[in-house]
Amino acid sequence: MYGNFIITDIRSSKNTINILLIQPGWIFCRRHLYIYLTKEEEKRLTPLLKLSNISVDD
């Protein structure tokens, strides 16, 4: 994935995470993406989400 992204929503029950992708060179180009999280990715993201004060919606 290219560019910066901001996590805007996460639903552990559906195992998906909603991120806002900001593409380089396109300041106004933003789109919501739903990506499927594997268990390994979920393990890596959880501490980051806790540090970022993002609540997990069960």
PDB file of N, CA and C in Angstrom:
ATOM      1  N   MET A   1       0.849  -1.176   0.000  1.00  0.00           N
ATOM      2  CA  MET A   1       0.000   0.000   0.000  1.00  0.00           C
ATOM      3  C   MET A   1       0.897   1.242   0.000  1.00  0.00           C
ATOM      4  N   TYR A   2       0.517   2.217  -0.790  1.00  0.00           N
ATOM      5  CA  TYR A   2       1.299   3.435  -0.889  1.00  0.00           C
ATOM      6  C   TYR A   2       0.611   4.583  -0.175  1.00  0.00           C
ATOM      7  N   GLY A   3       1.396   5.497   0.349  1.00  0.00           N
ATOM      8  CA  GLY A   3       0.827   6.676   0.999  1.00  0.00           C
ATOM      9  C   GLY A   3       0.588   6.455   2.478  1.00  0.00           C
ATOM     10  N   ASN A   4       0.144   7.501   3.115  1.00  0.00           N
ATOM     11  CA  ASN A   4      -0.164   7.435   4.540  1.00  0.00           C
ATOM     12  C   ASN A   4      -1.596   6.987   4.734  1.00  0.00           C
ATOM     13  N   PHE A   5      -1.853   6.375   5.859  1.00  0.00           N
ATOM     14  CA  PHE A   5      -3.232   6.006   6.141  1.00  0.00           C
ATOM     15  C   PHE A   5      -3.552   6.238   7.607  1.00  0.00           C
ATOM     16  N   ILE A   6      -4.817   6.516   7.856  1.00  0.00           N
ATOM     17  CA  ILE A   6      -5.302   6.773   9.207  1.00  0.00           C
ATOM     18  C   ILE A   6      -6.379   5.744   9.518  1.00  0.00           C
ATOM     19  N   ILE A   7      -6.254   5.079  10.638  1.00  0.00           N
ATOM     20  CA  ILE A   7      -7.276   4.124  11.048  1.00  0.00           C
ATOM     21  C   ILE A   7      -8.466   4.906  11.595  1.00  0.00           C
ATOM     22  N   THR A   8      -9.630   4.719  10.970  1.00  0.00           N
ATOM     23  CA  THR A   8     -10.800   5.489  11.387  1.00  0.00           C
ATOM     24  C   THR A   8     -11.824   4.657  12.138  1.00  0.00           C
ATOM     25  N   ASP A   9     -11.778   3.354  11.959  1.00  0.00           N
ATOM     26  CA  ASP A   9     -12.789   2.511  12.601  1.00  0.00           C
ATOM     27  C   ASP A   9     -12.295   1.076  12.611  1.00  0.00           C
ATOM     28  N   ILE A  10     -12.598   0.353  13.666  1.00  0.00           N
ATOM     29  CA  ILE A  10     -12.223  -1.061  13.710  1.00  0.00           C
ATOM     30  C   ILE A  10     -13.347  -1.850  14.353  1.00  0.00           C
ATOM     31  N   ARG A  11     -13.645  -2.989  13.750  1.00  0.00           N
ATOM     32  CA  ARG A  11     -14.690  -3.863  14.294  1.00  0.00           C
ATOM     33  C   ARG A  11     -14.109  -5.269  14.421  1.00  0.00           C
ATOM     34  N   SER A  12     -13.747  -5.623  15.634  1.00  0.00           N
ATOM     35  CA  SER A  12     -13.122  -6.927  15.838  1.00  0.00           C
ATOM     36  C   SER A  12     -14.091  -8.065  15.561  1.00  0.00           C
ATOM     37  N   SER A  13     -15.380  -7.805  15.761  1.00  0.00           N
ATOM     38  CA  SER A  13     -16.358  -8.870  15.541  1.00  0.00           C
ATOM     39  C   SER A  13     -16.436  -9.263  14.067  1.00  0.00           C
ATOM     40  N   LYS A  14     -16.206  -8.295  13.195  1.00  0.00           N
ATOM     41  CA  LYS A  14     -16.242  -8.577  11.760  1.00  0.00           C
ATOM     42  C   LYS A  14     -14.846  -8.779  11.198  1.00  0.00           C
ATOM     43  N   ASN A  15     -13.834  -8.646  12.078  1.00  0.00           N
ATOM     44  CA  ASN A  15     -12.450  -8.836  11.682  1.00  0.00           C
ATOM     45  C   ASN A  15     -12.042  -7.906  10.543  1.00  0.00           C
ATOM     46  N   THR A  16     -12.579  -6.689  10.552  1.00  0.00           N
ATOM     47  CA  THR A  16     -12.220  -5.711   9.527  1.00  0.00           C
ATOM     48  C   THR A  16     -11.775  -4.416  10.181  1.00  0.00           C
ATOM     49  N   ILE A  17     -11.038  -3.651   9.425  1.00  0.00           N
ATOM     50  CA  ILE A  17     -10.577  -2.358   9.915  1.00  0.00           C
ATOM     51  C   ILE A  17     -10.813  -1.337   8.804  1.00  0.00           C
ATOM     52  N   ASN A  18     -11.348  -0.204   9.150  1.00  0.00           N
ATOM     53  CA  ASN A  18     -11.631   0.844   8.172  1.00  0.00           C
ATOM     54  C   ASN A  18     -10.516   1.873   8.248  1.00  0.00           C
ATOM     55  N   ILE A  19      -9.800   2.047   7.136  1.00  0.00           N
ATOM     56  CA  ILE A  19      -8.709   3.012   7.141  1.00  0.00           C
ATOM     57  C   ILE A  19      -8.959   4.094   6.104  1.00  0.00           C
ATOM     58  N   LEU A  20      -8.471   5.274   6.393  1.00  0.00           N
ATOM     59  CA  LEU A  20      -8.567   6.382   5.461  1.00  0.00           C
ATOM     60  C   LEU A  20      -7.214   6.506   4.777  1.00  0.00           C
ATOM     61  N   LEU A  21      -7.185   6.248   3.480  1.00  0.00           N
ATOM     62  CA  LEU A  21      -5.933   6.260   2.730  1.00  0.00           C
ATOM     63  C   LEU A  21      -5.712   7.625   2.098  1.00  0.00           C
ATOM     64  N   ILE A  22      -4.565   8.199   2.364  1.00  0.00           N
ATOM     65  CA  ILE A  22      -4.213   9.487   1.772  1.00  0.00           C
ATOM     66  C   ILE A  22      -3.075   9.237   0.781  1.00  0.00           C
ATOM     67  N   GLN A  23      -3.394   9.329  -0.494  1.00  0.00           N
ATOM     68  CA  GLN A  23      -2.410   9.015  -1.519  1.00  0.00           C
ATOM     69  C   GLN A  23      -1.465  10.191  -1.756  1.00  0.00           C
ATOM     70  N   PRO A  24      -0.166   9.903  -1.940  1.00  0.00           N
ATOM     71  CA  PRO A  24       0.807  10.977  -2.170  1.00  0.00           C
ATOM     72  C   PRO A  24       0.510  11.711  -3.472  1.00  0.00           C
ATOM     73  N   GLY A  25       0.612  13.031  -3.459  1.00  0.00           N
ATOM     74  CA  GLY A  25       0.374  13.818  -4.661  1.00  0.00           C
ATOM     75  C   GLY A  25      -1.094  14.133  -4.895  1.00  0.00           C
ATOM     76  N   TRP A  26      -1.958  13.545  -4.081  1.00  0.00           N
ATOM     77  CA  TRP A  26      -3.388  13.787  -4.228  1.00  0.00           C
ATOM     78  C   TRP A  26      -3.945  14.202  -2.874  1.00  0.00           C
ATOM     79  N   ILE A  27      -3.785  15.466  -2.549  1.00  0.00           N
ATOM     80  CA  ILE A  27      -4.163  15.960  -1.225  1.00  0.00           C
ATOM     81  C   ILE A  27      -5.639  15.698  -0.922  1.00  0.00           C
ATOM     82  N   PHE A  28      -6.488  15.844  -1.939  1.00  0.00           N
ATOM     83  CA  PHE A  28      -7.925  15.696  -1.710  1.00  0.00           C
ATOM     84  C   PHE A  28      -8.435  14.300  -2.056  1.00  0.00           C
ATOM     85  N   CYS A  29      -7.514  13.421  -2.440  1.00  0.00           N
ATOM     86  CA  CYS A  29      -7.924  12.061  -2.805  1.00  0.00           C
ATOM     87  C   CYS A  29      -7.890  11.191  -1.553  1.00  0.00           C
ATOM     88  N   ARG A  30      -9.064  10.914  -1.022  1.00  0.00           N
ATOM     89  CA  ARG A  30      -9.158  10.082   0.177  1.00  0.00           C
ATOM     90  C   ARG A  30     -10.242   9.046  -0.044  1.00  0.00           C
ATOM     91  N   ARG A  31      -9.996   7.850   0.390  1.00  0.00           N
ATOM     92  CA  ARG A  31     -11.022   6.826   0.231  1.00  0.00           C
ATOM     93  C   ARG A  31     -10.985   5.864   1.409  1.00  0.00           C
ATOM     94  N   HIS A  32     -12.159   5.372   1.746  1.00  0.00           N
ATOM     95  CA  HIS A  32     -12.262   4.404   2.833  1.00  0.00           C
ATOM     96  C   HIS A  32     -12.039   3.006   2.278  1.00  0.00           C
ATOM     97  N   LEU A  33     -11.237   2.268   2.953  1.00  0.00           N
ATOM     98  CA  LEU A  33     -10.958   0.899   2.529  1.00  0.00           C
ATOM     99  C   LEU A  33     -11.265  -0.048   3.686  1.00  0.00           C
ATOM    100  N   TYR A  34     -11.867  -1.149   3.351  1.00  0.00           N
ATOM    101  CA  TYR A  34     -12.036  -2.204   4.346  1.00  0.00           C
ATOM    102  C   TYR A  34     -11.051  -3.304   3.995  1.00  0.00           C
ATOM    103  N   ILE A  35     -10.192  -3.636   4.926  1.00  0.00           N
ATOM    104  CA  ILE A  35      -9.234  -4.696   4.668  1.00  0.00           C
ATOM    105  C   ILE A  35      -9.461  -5.825   5.661  1.00  0.00           C
ATOM    106  N   TYR A  36      -9.226  -7.025   5.188  1.00  0.00           N
ATOM    107  CA  TYR A  36      -9.396  -8.194   6.043  1.00  0.00           C
ATOM    108  C   TYR A  36      -8.138  -8.382   6.887  1.00  0.00           C
ATOM    109  N   LEU A  37      -8.329  -8.546   8.165  1.00  0.00           N
ATOM    110  CA  LEU A  37      -7.203  -8.749   9.068  1.00  0.00           C
ATOM    111  C   LEU A  37      -7.015 -10.231   9.370  1.00  0.00           C
ATOM    112  N   THR A  38      -5.796 -10.691   9.199  1.00  0.00           N
ATOM    113  CA  THR A  38      -5.486 -12.045   9.647  1.00  0.00           C
ATOM    114  C   THR A  38      -5.218 -11.966  11.150  1.00  0.00           C
ATOM    115  N   LYS A  39      -5.203 -13.095  11.806  1.00  0.00           N
ATOM    116  CA  LYS A  39      -4.957 -13.110  13.254  1.00  0.00           C
ATOM    117  C   LYS A  39      -3.582 -12.517  13.575  1.00  0.00           C
ATOM    118  N   GLU A  40      -2.606 -12.790  12.722  1.00  0.00           N
ATOM    119  CA  GLU A  40      -1.258 -12.272  12.949  1.00  0.00           C
ATOM    120  C   GLU A  40      -1.231 -10.749  12.840  1.00  0.00           C
ATOM    121  N   GLU A  41      -1.931 -10.213  11.842  1.00  0.00           N
ATOM    122  CA  GLU A  41      -2.007  -8.763  11.683  1.00  0.00           C
ATOM    123  C   GLU A  41      -2.740  -8.126  12.858  1.00  0.00           C
ATOM    124  N   GLU A  42      -3.775  -8.817  13.325  1.00  0.00           N
ATOM    125  CA  GLU A  42      -4.554  -8.314  14.455  1.00  0.00           C
ATOM    126  C   GLU A  42      -3.668  -8.209  15.704  1.00  0.00           C
ATOM    127  N   LYS A  43      -2.807  -9.212  15.902  1.00  0.00           N
ATOM    128  CA  LYS A  43      -1.894  -9.206  17.046  1.00  0.00           C
ATOM    129  C   LYS A  43      -0.925  -8.034  16.961  1.00  0.00           C
ATOM    130  N   ARG A  44      -0.459  -7.741  15.747  1.00  0.00           N
ATOM    131  CA  ARG A  44       0.492  -6.640  15.568  1.00  0.00           C
ATOM    132  C   ARG A  44      -0.184  -5.284  15.733  1.00  0.00           C
ATOM    133  N   LEU A  45      -1.442  -5.179  15.314  1.00  0.00           N
ATOM    134  CA  LEU A  45      -2.148  -3.898  15.361  1.00  0.00           C
ATOM    135  C   LEU A  45      -2.683  -3.537  16.746  1.00  0.00           C
ATOM    136  N   THR A  46      -3.056  -4.535  17.531  1.00  0.00           N
ATOM    137  CA  THR A  46      -3.696  -4.271  18.818  1.00  0.00           C
ATOM    138  C   THR A  46      -2.886  -3.343  19.732  1.00  0.00           C
ATOM    139  N   PRO A  47      -1.579  -3.583  19.933  1.00  0.00           N
ATOM    140  CA  PRO A  47      -0.809  -2.668  20.791  1.00  0.00           C
ATOM    141  C   PRO A  47      -0.762  -1.256  20.215  1.00  0.00           C
ATOM    142  N   LEU A  48      -0.682  -1.146  18.893  1.00  0.00           N
ATOM    143  CA  LEU A  48      -0.653   0.159  18.234  1.00  0.00           C
ATOM    144  C   LEU A  48      -1.963   0.904  18.452  1.00  0.00           C
ATOM    145  N   LEU A  49      -3.066   0.182  18.356  1.00  0.00           N
ATOM    146  CA  LEU A  49      -4.378   0.790  18.557  1.00  0.00           C
ATOM    147  C   LEU A  49      -4.528   1.276  19.991  1.00  0.00           C
ATOM    148  N   LYS A  50      -4.004   0.485  20.941  1.00  0.00           N
ATOM    149  CA  LYS A  50      -4.081   0.877  22.345  1.00  0.00           C
ATOM    150  C   LYS A  50      -3.257   2.138  22.590  1.00  0.00           C
ATOM    151  N   LEU A  51      -2.097   2.228  21.937  1.00  0.00           N
ATOM    152  CA  LEU A  51      -1.255   3.410  22.076  1.00  0.00           C
ATOM    153  C   LEU A  51      -1.918   4.633  21.461  1.00  0.00           C
ATOM    154  N   SER A  52      -2.705   4.397  20.418  1.00  0.00           N
ATOM    155  CA  SER A  52      -3.354   5.497  19.704  1.00  0.00           C
ATOM    156  C   SER A  52      -4.701   5.870  20.309  1.00  0.00           C
ATOM    157  N   ASN A  53      -5.085   5.180  21.396  1.00  0.00           N
ATOM    158  CA  ASN A  53      -6.374   5.440  22.043  1.00  0.00           C
ATOM    159  C   ASN A  53      -7.557   5.180  21.121  1.00  0.00           C
ATOM    160  N   ILE A  54      -7.430   4.195  20.259  1.00  0.00           N
ATOM    161  CA  ILE A  54      -8.537   3.835  19.372  1.00  0.00           C
ATOM    162  C   ILE A  54      -9.265   2.663  20.010  1.00  0.00           C
ATOM    163  N   SER A  55     -10.545   2.828  20.223  1.00  0.00           N
ATOM    164  CA  SER A  55     -11.302   1.779  20.890  1.00  0.00           C
ATOM    165  C   SER A  55     -11.708   0.695  19.902  1.00  0.00           C
ATOM    166  N   VAL A  56     -11.711  -0.525  20.380  1.00  0.00           N
ATOM    167  CA  VAL A  56     -12.137  -1.657  19.565  1.00  0.00           C
ATOM    168  C   VAL A  56     -13.606  -1.911  19.840  1.00  0.00           C
ATOM    169  N   ASP A  57     -14.398  -1.881  18.789  1.00  0.00           N
ATOM    170  CA  ASP A  57     -15.848  -2.043  18.920  1.00  0.00           C
ATOM    171  C   ASP A  57     -16.229  -3.496  18.728  1.00  0.00           C
ATOM    172  N   ASP A  58     -16.600  -4.162  19.816  1.00  0.00           N
ATOM    173  CA  ASP A  58     -17.027  -5.557  19.714  1.00  0.00           C
ATOM    174  C   ASP A  58     -18.474  -5.552  19.317  1.00  0.00           C
TER     175      ASP A  58
END
